[in-house]
Amino acid sequence: MFLLGTATTFAGAFLAACGSEPTAEVAKTQVPVGSAVILDGFIIAQPTAGEYVAYSQTCPHQGQKITKVDGDTVRCTGHGSVFSITDGSAVSGPTQNPLTPAQLTEAGETLNASM
């Protein structure tokens, strides 16, 4: 029974992973100039007026979620890694790796992030 339960759990997780890619949608007006918003697994930033970028919310250090926006940086509260919203580079903390870029598309006044 244990093996059957384990196989069923694995199969469910595998099928869920094969589903649609995660996406996030936000109005351009909701992304502050010189800062970012975090939603649905993504960091969507506007480093300068009219320039938008997106990153995965997953911290490259140990896979925890980045949960804090502080001006032009975002921070993983798990271990304190800090990243620039401009290019995703590590500013400080235990990680040396940058944020993982996400695809960002503009549709009128809406931004859509996806992996």
Protein backbone atom coordinates (compact mmCIF):
# COMPACT_ATOMS: atom_id res chain seq x y z
CA MET A 1 0.00 0.00 0.00
CA PHE A 2 2.84 2.39 0.79
CA LEU A 3 4.40 1.91 -2.64
CA LEU A 4 1.03 2.36 -4.33
CA GLY A 5 0.39 5.57 -2.39
CA THR A 6 3.87 6.87 -3.18
CA ALA A 7 3.45 6.10 -6.89
CA THR A 8 0.05 7.80 -6.93
CA THR A 9 1.44 10.90 -5.21
CA PHE A 10 4.38 11.05 -7.64
CA ALA A 11 2.10 10.62 -10.66
CA GLY A 12 -0.16 13.44 -9.45
CA ALA A 13 2.80 15.75 -8.90
CA PHE A 14 4.21 14.87 -12.33
CA LEU A 15 0.90 15.58 -14.06
CA ALA A 16 0.49 18.86 -12.20
CA ALA A 17 3.99 19.89 -13.29
CA CYS A 18 3.09 19.16 -16.91
CA GLY A 19 0.19 21.62 -16.77
CA SER A 20 0.32 25.17 -17.99
CA GLU A 21 3.24 27.39 -17.11
CA PRO A 22 2.70 29.84 -14.25
CA THR A 23 1.89 33.38 -15.34
CA ALA A 24 1.23 36.73 -13.71
CA GLU A 25 -0.66 39.71 -15.06
CA VAL A 26 -0.54 43.26 -13.75
CA ALA A 27 -1.49 46.72 -14.97
CA LYS A 28 1.51 48.90 -15.81
CA THR A 29 0.14 51.53 -13.42
CA GLN A 30 0.52 49.07 -10.53
CA VAL A 31 4.32 48.78 -10.99
CA PRO A 32 6.03 51.78 -9.37
CA VAL A 33 8.89 53.53 -11.19
CA GLY A 34 12.19 52.59 -9.55
CA SER A 35 10.65 49.65 -7.71
CA ALA A 36 8.76 46.37 -8.16
CA VAL A 37 5.75 44.27 -7.25
CA ILE A 38 5.74 40.59 -6.32
CA LEU A 39 2.81 38.45 -7.42
CA ASP A 40 1.98 34.92 -8.50
CA GLY A 41 5.59 33.70 -8.40
CA PHE A 42 7.10 36.68 -10.24
CA ILE A 43 8.87 39.95 -9.53
CA ILE A 44 7.79 42.59 -12.04
CA ALA A 45 9.85 45.78 -11.92
CA GLN A 46 10.07 49.17 -13.58
CA PRO A 47 13.69 50.28 -13.01
CA THR A 48 13.17 53.47 -15.05
CA ALA A 49 10.00 55.02 -16.43
CA GLY A 50 8.59 52.84 -19.19
CA GLU A 51 11.20 50.05 -18.84
CA TYR A 52 9.79 46.80 -17.43
CA VAL A 53 11.58 43.58 -16.45
CA ALA A 54 10.48 40.36 -14.76
CA TYR A 55 12.17 37.66 -12.70
CA SER A 56 11.19 34.45 -10.96
CA GLN A 57 10.27 34.99 -7.31
CA THR A 58 12.41 31.98 -6.37
CA CYS A 59 15.69 32.88 -4.68
CA PRO A 60 18.67 31.22 -6.41
CA HIS A 61 20.35 30.60 -3.04
CA GLN A 62 18.13 27.84 -1.66
CA GLY A 63 14.86 28.11 -3.52
CA GLN A 64 12.88 30.11 -0.98
CA LYS A 65 10.49 32.83 -2.13
CA ILE A 66 11.64 36.43 -2.34
CA THR A 67 9.05 38.35 -0.35
CA LYS A 68 10.31 41.88 0.28
CA VAL A 69 10.57 44.89 -2.04
CA ASP A 70 12.75 47.72 -0.76
CA GLY A 71 12.96 50.51 -3.33
CA ASP A 72 15.17 49.34 -6.17
CA THR A 73 16.02 46.00 -4.56
CA VAL A 74 14.18 42.84 -3.53
CA ARG A 75 15.16 40.64 -0.60
CA CYS A 76 14.80 37.01 0.31
CA THR A 77 13.88 37.05 3.99
CA GLY A 78 14.99 33.41 4.34
CA HIS A 79 18.73 34.10 4.33
CA GLY A 80 18.99 37.80 3.50
CA SER A 81 20.09 37.79 -0.13
CA VAL A 82 19.40 41.13 -1.84
CA PHE A 83 18.98 41.62 -5.59
CA SER A 84 18.88 44.62 -7.93
CA ILE A 85 15.60 45.09 -9.84
CA THR A 86 17.54 46.62 -12.74
CA ASP A 87 19.34 43.47 -13.86
CA GLY A 88 18.58 40.83 -11.21
CA SER A 89 22.18 40.77 -9.97
CA ALA A 90 23.01 39.81 -6.39
CA VAL A 91 23.77 42.91 -4.30
CA SER A 92 24.50 41.17 -0.99
CA GLY A 93 23.87 38.05 1.03
CA PRO A 94 24.93 34.46 0.77
CA THR A 95 24.03 34.06 -2.91
CA GLN A 96 26.35 34.99 -5.74
CA ASN A 97 23.82 34.05 -8.43
CA PRO A 98 21.42 36.48 -10.10
CA LEU A 99 17.66 36.18 -10.23
CA THR A 100 16.24 34.00 -12.99
CA PRO A 101 14.80 36.23 -15.72
CA ALA A 102 11.18 35.67 -16.74
CA GLN A 103 9.57 36.45 -20.06
CA LEU A 104 7.60 39.68 -20.02
CA THR A 105 5.13 40.73 -22.65
CA GLU A 106 3.19 43.95 -22.92
CA ALA A 107 -0.40 44.01 -24.10
CA GLY A 108 -1.59 47.60 -24.11
CA GLU A 109 -1.55 48.73 -20.48
CA THR A 110 -1.03 45.22 -19.10
CA LEU A 111 2.16 43.26 -18.39
CA ASN A 112 2.25 39.46 -18.50
CA ALA A 113 5.10 37.49 -16.94
CA SER A 114 5.77 33.82 -17.62
CA MET A 115 8.60 31.31 -17.47
